[in-house]
Structures are given as C-alpha cells and as structure tokens.
C-alpha cells in the first residue's frame, strides 16, 4: 500500500503535484482496484481520458484538493461530481487560471 502518493495534473496552464496519503495516483494497479470497487472516487481532469487518481472522497481529500489549488494559484477551482448507480463517484477537477 502506498503511504504517500504523488500525482501530477493540470488545471489549464499550471501543473500541480499532489501528496496525500489517501489519494492514489493512476497506475495499472490502482485502475484494477477501481474496477474491483476498492475506491469510492475517481479523480479526473477535463479533456483527459485517463484518470489522474483515486480516493475515498473524505472531507480531508476535499480539503487537500482545495488547498493544493489555492497554493498553486488556481482561482475558482471547482469539483464537478457525478454519482454512479453503484454509489461510487466521478469527480472532474476544474480550475481557473
């Protein structure tokens, strides 16, 4: 299990690096875990078919994503949430420039 994960993603023009123990970066292994239902939330960015990562959707995950966007200067960051029939969620991360 990953104790600290690094995820890079893009909110328009800025590149971000995420370090959080409950957010897991995309890999073949984490995609398989998502497919098996082991994660509650898939994290996506617009215009990218590959997810950036996965998490459990906790308040601390939301806080970390918001904090990261603020530190990196992404004004107006918002998260578009879609709830699937299975109860799992797809979060698309949008950020201003």
N, C-alpha and C. Protein backbone atom coordinates (compact mmCIF):
# COMPACT_ATOMS: atom_id res chain seq x y z
N UNK A 1 0.84 -1.18 0.00
CA UNK A 1 0.00 0.00 0.00
C UNK A 1 0.88 1.24 0.00
N UNK A 2 0.46 2.25 -0.69
CA UNK A 2 1.20 3.49 -0.81
C UNK A 2 0.92 4.35 0.42
N UNK A 3 1.99 4.79 1.08
CA UNK A 3 1.79 5.66 2.23
C UNK A 3 1.74 7.12 1.81
N UNK A 4 2.48 7.47 0.81
CA UNK A 4 2.45 8.83 0.27
C UNK A 4 2.48 8.73 -1.23
N UNK A 5 1.56 9.39 -1.86
CA UNK A 5 1.45 9.32 -3.32
C UNK A 5 1.72 10.69 -3.92
N UNK A 6 2.28 10.71 -5.10
CA UNK A 6 2.48 11.95 -5.85
C UNK A 6 1.65 11.87 -7.11
N UNK A 7 0.85 12.87 -7.34
CA UNK A 7 0.01 12.92 -8.53
C UNK A 7 0.26 14.26 -9.20
N UNK A 8 0.52 14.24 -10.49
CA UNK A 8 0.64 15.47 -11.24
C UNK A 8 -0.59 15.62 -12.12
N UNK A 9 -1.14 16.81 -12.14
CA UNK A 9 -2.28 17.08 -13.00
C UNK A 9 -2.27 18.54 -13.39
N UNK A 10 -3.13 18.90 -14.31
CA UNK A 10 -3.11 20.23 -14.87
C UNK A 10 -4.48 20.88 -14.78
N UNK A 11 -4.55 22.08 -14.21
CA UNK A 11 -5.77 22.89 -14.19
C UNK A 11 -5.60 24.00 -15.22
N UNK A 12 -5.60 23.65 -16.48
CA UNK A 12 -5.43 24.66 -17.51
C UNK A 12 -3.97 24.89 -17.83
N UNK A 13 -3.36 25.91 -17.22
CA UNK A 13 -1.99 26.26 -17.58
C UNK A 13 -0.97 25.84 -16.54
N UNK A 14 -1.38 25.52 -15.34
CA UNK A 14 -0.43 25.22 -14.28
C UNK A 14 -0.37 23.72 -13.99
N UNK A 15 0.81 23.23 -13.73
CA UNK A 15 0.99 21.83 -13.35
C UNK A 15 0.97 21.74 -11.83
N UNK A 16 0.39 20.68 -11.30
CA UNK A 16 0.24 20.51 -9.87
C UNK A 16 0.84 19.18 -9.44
N UNK A 17 1.35 19.13 -8.24
CA UNK A 17 1.79 17.88 -7.66
C UNK A 17 1.04 17.70 -6.35
N UNK A 18 0.43 16.55 -6.19
CA UNK A 18 -0.39 16.28 -5.02
C UNK A 18 0.28 15.21 -4.17
N UNK A 19 0.44 15.48 -2.89
CA UNK A 19 0.99 14.50 -1.97
C UNK A 19 -0.01 14.34 -0.84
N UNK A 20 -0.61 13.19 -0.76
CA UNK A 20 -1.62 12.94 0.26
C UNK A 20 -1.74 11.44 0.43
N UNK A 21 -1.79 10.96 1.65
CA UNK A 21 -1.77 9.52 1.85
C UNK A 21 -3.06 8.81 1.47
N UNK A 22 -4.16 9.55 1.27
CA UNK A 22 -5.41 8.90 0.90
C UNK A 22 -5.76 9.08 -0.57
N UNK A 23 -4.94 9.74 -1.32
CA UNK A 23 -5.16 9.92 -2.74
C UNK A 23 -4.09 9.12 -3.48
N UNK A 24 -4.53 8.25 -4.35
CA UNK A 24 -3.63 7.33 -5.03
C UNK A 24 -3.52 7.71 -6.50
N UNK A 25 -2.30 7.82 -7.04
CA UNK A 25 -2.12 8.20 -8.44
C UNK A 25 -2.57 7.06 -9.36
N UNK A 26 -2.89 7.43 -10.59
CA UNK A 26 -3.27 6.44 -11.58
C UNK A 26 -2.10 5.51 -11.89
N UNK A 27 -2.37 4.24 -11.93
CA UNK A 27 -1.43 3.22 -12.39
C UNK A 27 -2.29 2.03 -12.82
N UNK A 28 -1.70 1.05 -13.45
CA UNK A 28 -2.47 -0.14 -13.81
C UNK A 28 -3.05 -0.80 -12.56
N UNK A 29 -2.26 -0.81 -11.49
CA UNK A 29 -2.71 -1.43 -10.23
C UNK A 29 -3.89 -0.68 -9.62
N UNK A 30 -3.82 0.65 -9.59
CA UNK A 30 -4.93 1.41 -9.00
C UNK A 30 -6.16 1.37 -9.89
N UNK A 31 -5.96 1.31 -11.21
CA UNK A 31 -7.11 1.17 -12.12
C UNK A 31 -7.81 -0.16 -11.86
N UNK A 32 -7.04 -1.22 -11.64
CA UNK A 32 -7.63 -2.52 -11.32
C UNK A 32 -8.39 -2.46 -10.01
N UNK A 33 -7.84 -1.77 -9.02
CA UNK A 33 -8.54 -1.62 -7.73
C UNK A 33 -9.84 -0.85 -7.91
N UNK A 34 -9.85 0.19 -8.76
CA UNK A 34 -11.08 0.92 -9.07
C UNK A 34 -12.08 -0.03 -9.72
N UNK A 35 -11.63 -0.80 -10.70
CA UNK A 35 -12.50 -1.73 -11.41
C UNK A 35 -13.14 -2.75 -10.46
N UNK A 36 -12.43 -3.10 -9.40
CA UNK A 36 -12.93 -4.05 -8.41
C UNK A 36 -13.79 -3.39 -7.34
N UNK A 37 -13.91 -2.07 -7.39
CA UNK A 37 -14.75 -1.36 -6.43
C UNK A 37 -14.06 -1.00 -5.13
N UNK A 38 -12.74 -0.98 -5.11
CA UNK A 38 -12.00 -0.70 -3.88
C UNK A 38 -11.87 0.79 -3.57
N UNK A 39 -12.11 1.65 -4.55
CA UNK A 39 -12.09 3.09 -4.33
C UNK A 39 -13.48 3.65 -4.54
N UNK A 40 -13.81 4.70 -3.78
CA UNK A 40 -15.12 5.33 -3.91
C UNK A 40 -15.14 6.41 -4.99
N UNK A 41 -14.01 7.10 -5.19
CA UNK A 41 -13.98 8.25 -6.08
C UNK A 41 -12.85 8.12 -7.11
N UNK A 42 -13.18 8.41 -8.36
CA UNK A 42 -12.19 8.52 -9.42
C UNK A 42 -11.99 10.00 -9.71
N UNK A 43 -10.75 10.47 -9.70
CA UNK A 43 -10.43 11.87 -9.94
C UNK A 43 -10.03 12.07 -11.40
N UNK A 44 -10.70 12.98 -12.07
CA UNK A 44 -10.46 13.25 -13.49
C UNK A 44 -10.16 14.72 -13.70
N UNK A 45 -9.56 15.02 -14.83
CA UNK A 45 -9.39 16.40 -15.29
C UNK A 45 -10.03 16.49 -16.67
N UNK A 46 -10.55 17.66 -17.02
CA UNK A 46 -11.20 17.80 -18.33
C UNK A 46 -10.23 17.48 -19.47
N UNK A 47 -10.77 16.95 -20.54
CA UNK A 47 -10.02 16.69 -21.77
C UNK A 47 -8.89 15.68 -21.60
N UNK A 48 -9.00 14.80 -20.62
CA UNK A 48 -8.02 13.72 -20.44
C UNK A 48 -8.80 12.45 -20.18
N UNK A 49 -8.58 11.43 -21.00
CA UNK A 49 -9.35 10.19 -20.85
C UNK A 49 -8.84 9.32 -19.70
N UNK A 50 -7.62 9.53 -19.28
CA UNK A 50 -7.06 8.74 -18.19
C UNK A 50 -7.30 9.47 -16.86
N UNK A 51 -7.80 8.76 -15.85
CA UNK A 51 -7.98 9.42 -14.54
C UNK A 51 -6.64 9.85 -13.97
N UNK A 52 -6.64 10.91 -13.17
CA UNK A 52 -5.40 11.32 -12.51
C UNK A 52 -5.15 10.52 -11.25
N UNK A 53 -6.22 9.95 -10.66
CA UNK A 53 -6.05 9.16 -9.45
C UNK A 53 -7.38 8.76 -8.86
N UNK A 54 -7.28 8.26 -7.62
CA UNK A 54 -8.44 7.73 -6.92
C UNK A 54 -8.34 8.10 -5.44
N UNK A 55 -9.50 8.20 -4.78
CA UNK A 55 -9.51 8.49 -3.35
C UNK A 55 -10.80 7.96 -2.73
N UNK A 56 -10.96 8.19 -1.43
CA UNK A 56 -12.18 7.72 -0.75
C UNK A 56 -13.24 8.80 -0.63
N UNK A 57 -12.93 10.03 -1.08
CA UNK A 57 -13.92 11.10 -1.07
C UNK A 57 -14.16 11.73 0.29
N UNK A 58 -13.21 11.60 1.18
CA UNK A 58 -13.37 12.14 2.53
C UNK A 58 -13.25 13.66 2.54
N UNK A 59 -13.68 14.25 3.65
CA UNK A 59 -13.55 15.70 3.81
C UNK A 59 -12.09 16.13 3.71
N UNK A 60 -11.18 15.30 4.21
CA UNK A 60 -9.75 15.65 4.13
C UNK A 60 -9.26 15.62 2.68
N UNK A 61 -9.82 14.73 1.86
CA UNK A 61 -9.46 14.72 0.43
C UNK A 61 -9.93 16.01 -0.24
N UNK A 62 -11.16 16.43 0.04
CA UNK A 62 -11.67 17.69 -0.50
C UNK A 62 -10.82 18.87 -0.05
N UNK A 63 -10.48 18.88 1.24
CA UNK A 63 -9.67 19.97 1.78
C UNK A 63 -8.29 20.00 1.12
N UNK A 64 -7.70 18.84 0.91
CA UNK A 64 -6.38 18.77 0.29
C UNK A 64 -6.43 19.25 -1.16
N UNK A 65 -7.45 18.85 -1.91
CA UNK A 65 -7.58 19.31 -3.29
C UNK A 65 -7.77 20.83 -3.34
N UNK A 66 -8.61 21.37 -2.46
CA UNK A 66 -8.82 22.82 -2.41
C UNK A 66 -7.57 23.57 -2.00
N UNK A 67 -6.87 23.03 -1.00
CA UNK A 67 -5.64 23.64 -0.52
C UNK A 67 -4.57 23.64 -1.61
N UNK A 68 -4.46 22.55 -2.30
CA UNK A 68 -3.49 22.44 -3.39
C UNK A 68 -3.78 23.46 -4.49
N UNK A 69 -5.02 23.56 -4.88
CA UNK A 69 -5.40 24.51 -5.93
C UNK A 69 -5.09 25.94 -5.49
N UNK A 70 -5.39 26.26 -4.23
CA UNK A 70 -5.13 27.59 -3.71
C UNK A 70 -3.64 27.89 -3.69
N UNK A 71 -2.83 26.93 -3.22
CA UNK A 71 -1.38 27.12 -3.18
C UNK A 71 -0.80 27.35 -4.57
N UNK A 72 -1.40 26.69 -5.56
CA UNK A 72 -0.88 26.78 -6.92
C UNK A 72 -1.52 27.90 -7.73
N UNK A 73 -2.42 28.66 -7.11
CA UNK A 73 -2.99 29.83 -7.77
C UNK A 73 -4.12 29.55 -8.74
N UNK A 74 -4.81 28.43 -8.59
CA UNK A 74 -5.94 28.11 -9.47
C UNK A 74 -7.19 28.80 -8.91
N UNK A 75 -7.44 30.01 -9.39
CA UNK A 75 -8.62 30.76 -8.93
C UNK A 75 -9.89 30.07 -9.41
N UNK A 76 -10.86 30.00 -8.54
CA UNK A 76 -12.16 29.46 -8.92
C UNK A 76 -12.18 27.96 -9.13
N UNK A 77 -11.32 27.22 -8.46
CA UNK A 77 -11.30 25.78 -8.59
C UNK A 77 -12.65 25.22 -8.15
N UNK A 78 -13.17 24.31 -8.96
CA UNK A 78 -14.42 23.66 -8.60
C UNK A 78 -14.33 22.18 -8.93
N UNK A 79 -15.14 21.40 -8.25
CA UNK A 79 -15.18 19.96 -8.47
C UNK A 79 -16.58 19.59 -8.92
N UNK A 80 -16.67 19.05 -10.11
CA UNK A 80 -17.94 18.56 -10.65
C UNK A 80 -18.07 17.09 -10.26
N UNK A 81 -19.12 16.78 -9.52
CA UNK A 81 -19.30 15.42 -9.01
C UNK A 81 -20.45 14.71 -9.72
N UNK A 82 -20.18 13.49 -10.13
CA UNK A 82 -21.21 12.67 -10.75
C UNK A 82 -21.31 11.38 -9.94
N UNK A 83 -22.50 11.07 -9.46
CA UNK A 83 -22.71 9.86 -8.69
C UNK A 83 -23.18 8.75 -9.62
N UNK A 84 -22.47 7.65 -9.59
CA UNK A 84 -22.80 6.50 -10.42
C UNK A 84 -23.87 5.64 -9.75
N UNK A 85 -24.51 4.76 -10.51
CA UNK A 85 -25.54 3.87 -9.96
C UNK A 85 -25.00 2.98 -8.84
N UNK A 86 -23.71 2.71 -8.88
CA UNK A 86 -23.07 1.86 -7.86
C UNK A 86 -22.85 2.60 -6.54
N UNK A 87 -23.05 3.93 -6.56
CA UNK A 87 -22.78 4.74 -5.37
C UNK A 87 -21.40 5.36 -5.40
N UNK A 88 -20.55 4.88 -6.30
CA UNK A 88 -19.23 5.50 -6.44
C UNK A 88 -19.38 6.81 -7.20
N UNK A 89 -18.31 7.61 -7.21
CA UNK A 89 -18.39 8.94 -7.79
C UNK A 89 -17.24 9.21 -8.75
N UNK A 90 -17.53 10.06 -9.74
CA UNK A 90 -16.51 10.60 -10.65
C UNK A 90 -16.40 12.08 -10.33
N UNK A 91 -15.22 12.53 -9.97
CA UNK A 91 -15.00 13.95 -9.71
C UNK A 91 -14.13 14.50 -10.83
N UNK A 92 -14.63 15.54 -11.49
CA UNK A 92 -13.84 16.23 -12.52
C UNK A 92 -13.38 17.55 -11.91
N UNK A 93 -12.08 17.75 -11.90
CA UNK A 93 -11.47 18.92 -11.26
C UNK A 93 -11.27 20.01 -12.31
N UNK A 94 -11.88 21.17 -12.07
CA UNK A 94 -11.78 22.32 -12.96
C UNK A 94 -11.09 23.43 -12.19
N UNK A 95 -10.23 24.16 -12.84
CA UNK A 95 -9.59 25.28 -12.17
C UNK A 95 -9.44 26.46 -13.09
N UNK A 96 -9.46 27.64 -12.50
CA UNK A 96 -9.26 28.86 -13.27
C UNK A 96 -7.79 29.13 -13.43
N UNK A 97 -7.47 30.08 -14.24
CA UNK A 97 -6.06 30.41 -14.49
C UNK A 97 -5.69 31.60 -13.83
